[in-house]
N, C-alpha and C. Protein backbone atom coordinates (compact mmCIF):
# COMPACT_ATOMS: atom_id res chain seq x y z
N MET A 1 213.92 211.77 149.70
CA MET A 1 215.42 212.01 149.64
C MET A 1 216.04 210.91 149.57
N GLU A 2 217.04 210.31 148.57
CA GLU A 2 217.86 209.16 148.57
C GLU A 2 218.55 209.20 149.77
N LYS A 3 218.92 208.32 150.46
CA LYS A 3 219.86 207.93 151.28
C LYS A 3 221.30 207.96 150.97
N GLN A 4 222.32 208.45 151.72
CA GLN A 4 223.53 208.47 151.23
C GLN A 4 224.28 207.15 151.59
N PRO A 5 224.73 206.32 150.63
CA PRO A 5 225.55 205.28 151.51
C PRO A 5 226.76 205.45 152.26
N SER A 6 226.92 204.68 153.33
CA SER A 6 227.78 204.77 154.60
C SER A 6 229.13 204.60 154.06
N SER A 7 229.57 204.11 153.33
CA SER A 7 230.96 203.82 152.67
C SER A 7 231.35 203.44 151.40
N VAL A 8 232.97 203.87 151.04
CA VAL A 8 233.16 203.75 149.59
C VAL A 8 232.77 202.22 149.33
N GLU A 9 232.66 201.08 150.17
CA GLU A 9 232.92 199.76 149.94
C GLU A 9 231.59 199.83 149.43
N GLU A 10 230.02 200.65 149.91
CA GLU A 10 228.95 200.30 149.52
C GLU A 10 228.71 200.87 148.06
N LEU A 11 229.20 202.16 148.16
CA LEU A 11 229.18 202.58 146.63
C LEU A 11 229.94 202.17 145.68
N LEU A 12 230.76 201.14 145.87
CA LEU A 12 231.48 200.31 145.21
C LEU A 12 230.54 198.98 144.79
N ARG A 13 229.99 198.75 145.86
CA ARG A 13 229.03 197.38 145.20
C ARG A 13 227.74 197.98 144.62
N LYS A 14 227.37 199.08 144.65
CA LYS A 14 226.49 199.47 144.01
C LYS A 14 226.66 199.93 142.44
N LEU A 15 227.92 200.19 141.99
CA LEU A 15 228.38 200.32 140.66
C LEU A 15 227.48 199.30 139.68
N ASP A 16 227.05 199.66 138.69
CA ASP A 16 226.36 199.27 137.52
C ASP A 16 227.85 197.98 136.72
N SER A 17 227.32 196.48 137.27
CA SER A 17 228.47 195.72 136.50
C SER A 17 228.31 195.52 135.14
N THR A 18 227.32 196.15 134.61
CA THR A 18 227.26 196.13 132.86
C THR A 18 228.18 197.11 132.35
N ILE A 19 228.13 198.15 133.05
CA ILE A 19 228.78 199.35 132.34
C ILE A 19 230.06 199.22 133.32
N HIS A 20 230.69 198.90 134.62
CA HIS A 20 232.02 198.92 134.89
C HIS A 20 233.21 198.40 134.45
N GLU A 21 232.74 197.51 133.70
CA GLU A 21 233.69 196.46 132.65
C GLU A 21 234.48 197.89 131.40
N PRO A 22 235.75 197.46 131.38
CA PRO A 22 236.35 198.72 130.76
C PRO A 22 235.86 198.97 129.14
N VAL A 23 235.60 197.95 128.37
CA VAL A 23 235.18 197.78 126.98
C VAL A 23 233.77 198.45 127.07
N ARG A 24 232.65 197.77 127.77
CA ARG A 24 231.57 198.20 127.58
C ARG A 24 231.33 199.96 128.36
N LEU A 25 232.01 200.41 129.29
CA LEU A 25 232.26 201.89 129.30
C LEU A 25 232.80 202.64 128.19
N GLY A 26 233.95 202.05 127.86
CA GLY A 26 234.38 202.91 126.69
C GLY A 26 233.60 203.02 125.39
N ILE A 27 232.78 202.19 124.97
CA ILE A 27 231.86 201.85 123.83
C ILE A 27 230.39 202.81 124.35
N LEU A 28 230.10 202.89 125.58
CA LEU A 28 229.04 204.17 126.07
C LEU A 28 229.68 205.23 125.93
N MET A 29 230.86 205.38 126.65
CA MET A 29 231.42 206.77 126.37
C MET A 29 231.42 207.60 124.98
N ILE A 30 231.72 206.38 124.26
CA ILE A 30 231.96 206.89 122.66
C ILE A 30 230.77 207.27 122.01
N LEU A 31 229.62 206.45 122.36
CA LEU A 31 228.80 206.49 121.66
C LEU A 31 227.79 207.92 122.23
N HIS A 32 228.02 208.15 123.51
CA HIS A 32 227.54 209.29 124.29
C HIS A 32 228.02 210.45 123.52
N LEU A 33 228.94 210.66 122.95
CA LEU A 33 229.67 211.51 122.41
C LEU A 33 229.50 212.03 121.01
N ASN A 34 229.04 210.61 120.15
CA ASN A 34 228.22 210.81 118.84
C ASN A 34 227.42 210.32 118.96
N SER A 35 226.74 209.61 119.81
CA SER A 35 225.23 209.17 119.50
C SER A 35 225.01 207.92 118.39
N SER A 36 225.77 207.48 117.64
CA SER A 36 225.99 206.29 116.91
C SER A 36 227.13 206.54 116.10
N LEU A 37 227.39 205.25 116.11
CA LEU A 37 228.70 204.91 115.03
C LEU A 37 228.70 203.36 114.44
N PRO A 38 229.65 203.43 113.55
CA PRO A 38 229.62 202.25 112.67
C PRO A 38 230.61 201.25 113.68
N PHE A 39 229.78 200.15 113.40
CA PHE A 39 231.13 198.80 114.51
C PHE A 39 232.28 199.26 114.27
N SER A 40 232.88 199.27 112.73
CA SER A 40 234.12 199.27 112.71
C SER A 40 235.22 200.57 113.14
N ASP A 41 234.30 201.77 113.35
CA ASP A 41 234.67 202.82 114.24
C ASP A 41 234.92 203.00 115.39
N ILE A 42 234.00 201.98 116.01
CA ILE A 42 234.39 201.62 117.33
C ILE A 42 235.37 200.53 117.93
N GLN A 43 235.32 199.59 116.93
CA GLN A 43 236.58 198.73 117.03
C GLN A 43 237.72 199.32 117.13
N LYS A 44 237.95 200.32 115.96
CA LYS A 44 239.11 201.07 115.66
C LYS A 44 239.28 201.82 117.10
N GLY A 45 238.67 202.60 117.26
CA GLY A 45 238.49 203.37 118.66
C GLY A 45 239.12 202.88 119.54
N LEU A 46 238.47 201.67 120.29
CA LEU A 46 238.59 201.12 121.30
C LEU A 46 240.01 200.00 121.19
N GLY A 47 240.51 199.61 120.21
CA GLY A 47 241.66 198.88 119.90
C GLY A 47 241.65 197.50 120.29
N VAL A 48 239.94 197.01 119.71
CA VAL A 48 239.76 195.54 120.26
C VAL A 48 239.41 194.77 118.94
N THR A 49 239.33 193.31 119.40
CA THR A 49 238.96 192.46 118.04
C THR A 49 237.62 192.79 117.61
N SER A 50 237.08 192.25 116.64
CA SER A 50 235.47 192.24 116.47
C SER A 50 234.93 191.26 117.18
N GLY A 51 235.37 190.11 117.63
CA GLY A 51 234.67 188.93 118.48
C GLY A 51 234.70 189.74 119.85
N ASN A 52 235.71 190.13 120.20
CA ASN A 52 235.46 191.10 121.49
C ASN A 52 234.59 191.82 121.68
N LEU A 53 234.45 192.70 120.78
CA LEU A 53 233.30 194.06 120.64
C LEU A 53 232.02 192.99 120.35
N ASN A 54 231.94 192.64 119.69
CA ASN A 54 230.73 191.75 119.47
C ASN A 54 230.16 191.21 120.84
N THR A 55 231.26 190.62 121.30
CA THR A 55 230.49 190.01 123.00
C THR A 55 230.35 190.97 124.02
N HIS A 56 230.97 192.32 123.86
CA HIS A 56 230.47 193.38 124.85
C HIS A 56 229.26 194.15 124.07
N LEU A 57 229.08 194.22 122.95
CA LEU A 57 228.15 194.63 122.50
C LEU A 57 226.53 193.97 122.76
N LYS A 58 226.97 192.75 122.51
CA LYS A 58 225.57 191.85 123.03
C LYS A 58 225.40 191.86 124.49
N LYS A 59 226.15 192.10 125.25
CA LYS A 59 225.98 192.23 126.82
C LYS A 59 224.96 193.51 127.02
N LEU A 60 225.61 194.72 125.95
CA LEU A 60 224.74 195.77 126.39
C LEU A 60 223.39 195.98 125.32
N GLU A 61 223.51 195.22 124.60
CA GLU A 61 221.91 195.06 123.62
C GLU A 61 221.24 194.38 124.48
N GLY A 62 221.51 193.23 125.31
CA GLY A 62 220.74 192.41 126.31
C GLY A 62 220.23 193.77 127.23
N ASN A 63 220.91 194.42 127.83
CA ASN A 63 220.37 195.39 128.62
C ASN A 63 219.76 196.71 128.25
N GLU A 64 219.47 196.41 127.07
CA GLU A 64 219.21 197.64 126.39
C GLU A 64 219.27 199.12 126.55
N LEU A 65 220.83 199.40 126.60
CA LEU A 65 221.30 200.20 126.91
C LEU A 65 222.18 200.76 125.50
N ILE A 66 221.77 199.73 124.38
CA ILE A 66 222.44 200.07 122.73
C ILE A 66 221.66 199.52 121.83
N THR A 67 221.49 199.65 120.72
CA THR A 67 220.72 198.98 119.59
C THR A 67 221.49 199.05 118.47
N LYS A 68 221.17 198.05 117.57
CA LYS A 68 222.22 198.08 116.46
C LYS A 68 221.36 197.76 115.18
N GLU A 69 221.74 198.44 114.01
CA GLU A 69 221.21 198.42 112.73
C GLU A 69 222.03 198.11 111.78
N ARG A 70 221.59 197.11 111.19
CA ARG A 70 222.46 196.60 110.31
C ARG A 70 221.76 196.82 108.74
N THR A 71 223.05 197.09 107.51
CA THR A 71 222.24 197.57 106.61
C THR A 71 223.52 197.28 105.52
N PHE A 72 222.90 197.42 104.11
CA PHE A 72 224.31 197.27 103.09
C PHE A 72 224.58 198.48 102.62
N VAL A 73 225.70 198.78 102.44
CA VAL A 73 226.33 199.87 101.79
C VAL A 73 227.09 199.02 100.47
N ASN A 74 226.84 199.56 99.30
CA ASN A 74 227.21 198.61 98.08
C ASN A 74 227.63 197.16 98.31
N THR A 75 226.71 196.70 98.52
CA THR A 75 226.35 195.37 98.95
C THR A 75 227.53 194.71 100.01
N ARG A 76 227.91 195.78 100.74
CA ARG A 76 228.66 195.38 101.82
C ARG A 76 227.81 195.53 102.85
N PRO A 77 228.26 194.61 104.16
CA PRO A 77 226.98 194.88 105.21
C PRO A 77 227.62 195.84 106.11
N ARG A 78 226.82 196.53 106.50
CA ARG A 78 227.12 197.69 107.75
C ARG A 78 226.75 197.58 108.70
N THR A 79 227.16 197.62 110.13
CA THR A 79 226.51 197.79 111.43
C THR A 79 226.59 199.17 112.04
N VAL A 80 225.42 199.79 112.48
CA VAL A 80 225.69 201.30 113.07
C VAL A 80 225.22 200.64 114.34
N ILE A 81 225.96 201.41 115.62
CA ILE A 81 225.47 200.85 116.77
C ILE A 81 224.98 202.64 117.59
N TYR A 82 223.83 202.54 117.84
CA TYR A 82 223.14 203.45 118.94
C TYR A 82 223.27 203.49 120.15
N ILE A 83 223.28 204.47 120.84
CA ILE A 83 223.24 204.49 122.35
C ILE A 83 221.69 204.73 122.73
N THR A 84 220.82 204.10 123.18
CA THR A 84 219.88 204.07 123.94
C THR A 84 219.51 205.19 124.92
N GLU A 85 217.89 205.84 124.95
CA GLU A 85 218.04 206.83 126.13
C GLU A 85 218.53 205.92 127.39
N LYS A 86 218.05 204.82 127.71
CA LYS A 86 218.54 204.32 128.63
C LYS A 86 219.94 204.26 128.89
N GLY A 87 220.77 203.79 127.78
CA GLY A 87 222.22 203.85 127.94
C GLY A 87 222.72 204.82 128.53
N SER A 88 222.15 206.42 127.57
CA SER A 88 222.65 207.57 128.44
C SER A 88 222.30 207.62 129.97
N ILE A 89 221.00 207.17 130.43
CA ILE A 89 221.06 207.65 131.58
C ILE A 89 221.80 206.85 132.75
N SER A 90 221.75 205.45 132.03
CA SER A 90 223.06 204.60 132.75
C SER A 90 224.32 205.05 132.84
N LEU A 91 224.74 205.58 132.01
CA LEU A 91 226.06 206.18 131.88
C LEU A 91 226.27 207.12 132.66
N LYS A 92 225.26 208.15 133.15
CA LYS A 92 225.38 209.43 133.70
C LYS A 92 225.12 209.08 135.15
N LYS A 93 224.07 207.99 135.36
CA LYS A 93 224.15 207.44 137.05
C LYS A 93 225.66 206.84 137.30
N TYR A 94 226.15 206.25 136.54
CA TYR A 94 227.31 205.82 136.64
C TYR A 94 228.54 206.59 136.91
N ILE A 95 228.48 207.68 136.10
CA ILE A 95 229.48 208.74 136.29
C ILE A 95 229.14 209.35 137.81
N LYS A 96 228.07 209.38 138.03
CA LYS A 96 227.56 210.49 139.08
C LYS A 96 228.22 209.21 140.44
N SER A 97 227.98 208.05 140.27
CA SER A 97 228.14 207.05 141.01
C SER A 97 230.09 207.40 141.39
N LEU A 98 230.65 207.36 140.28
CA LEU A 98 232.11 207.35 140.00
C LEU A 98 232.56 208.81 141.32
N LYS A 99 231.90 209.63 141.15
CA LYS A 99 232.02 211.07 141.72
C LYS A 99 231.76 210.79 143.26
N HIS A 100 230.93 210.24 143.74
CA HIS A 100 230.51 210.12 144.96
C HIS A 100 231.55 209.04 145.55
N ILE A 101 232.33 207.86 144.77
CA ILE A 101 233.65 207.32 144.85
C ILE A 101 234.56 208.33 145.77
N LEU A 102 234.76 209.04 144.65
CA LEU A 102 236.09 209.90 144.62
C LEU A 102 235.71 210.94 145.90
N ILE A 103 234.57 211.55 146.04
CA ILE A 103 234.07 212.35 147.04
C ILE A 103 235.03 211.66 148.59
N GLY A 104 233.96 210.09 148.66
CA GLY A 104 234.24 209.17 149.74
C GLY A 104 235.91 208.97 150.15
N MET A 105 236.46 209.35 149.24
CA MET A 105 238.03 208.98 149.35
C MET A 105 238.79 210.19 149.17
N GLY A 106 238.24 211.24 149.55
CA GLY A 106 238.73 212.37 149.37
C GLY A 106 239.49 213.28 148.41
N GLU A 107 238.92 212.61 147.52
CA GLU A 107 239.59 213.12 145.99
C GLU A 107 241.03 212.64 145.88
N MET A 108 241.55 211.86 146.91
CA MET A 108 243.04 211.72 146.91
C MET A 108 243.62 213.04 146.30
């Protein structure tokens, strides 16, 4: 059985820093609901620049939380982003950690 952390501070330290960043959390949440989306849909949904989104996607891809598929549609490049199984599991663990933090704070 997993030992329960002794404090909210300990729980906060254990949050996955890759997911904790708001844009990366948003990417994973959107993909969890849709399993895959074109780059442009994610960009519009989060209201970020393409450069900013690319930076966050590289971090997620480097941690194997997402994969990308590049294709062409009528000679135009199209990138589709997929959440991996590891990405789904990591997101669920992150959400569980947040729930523990809220419980530790008395659900304010």
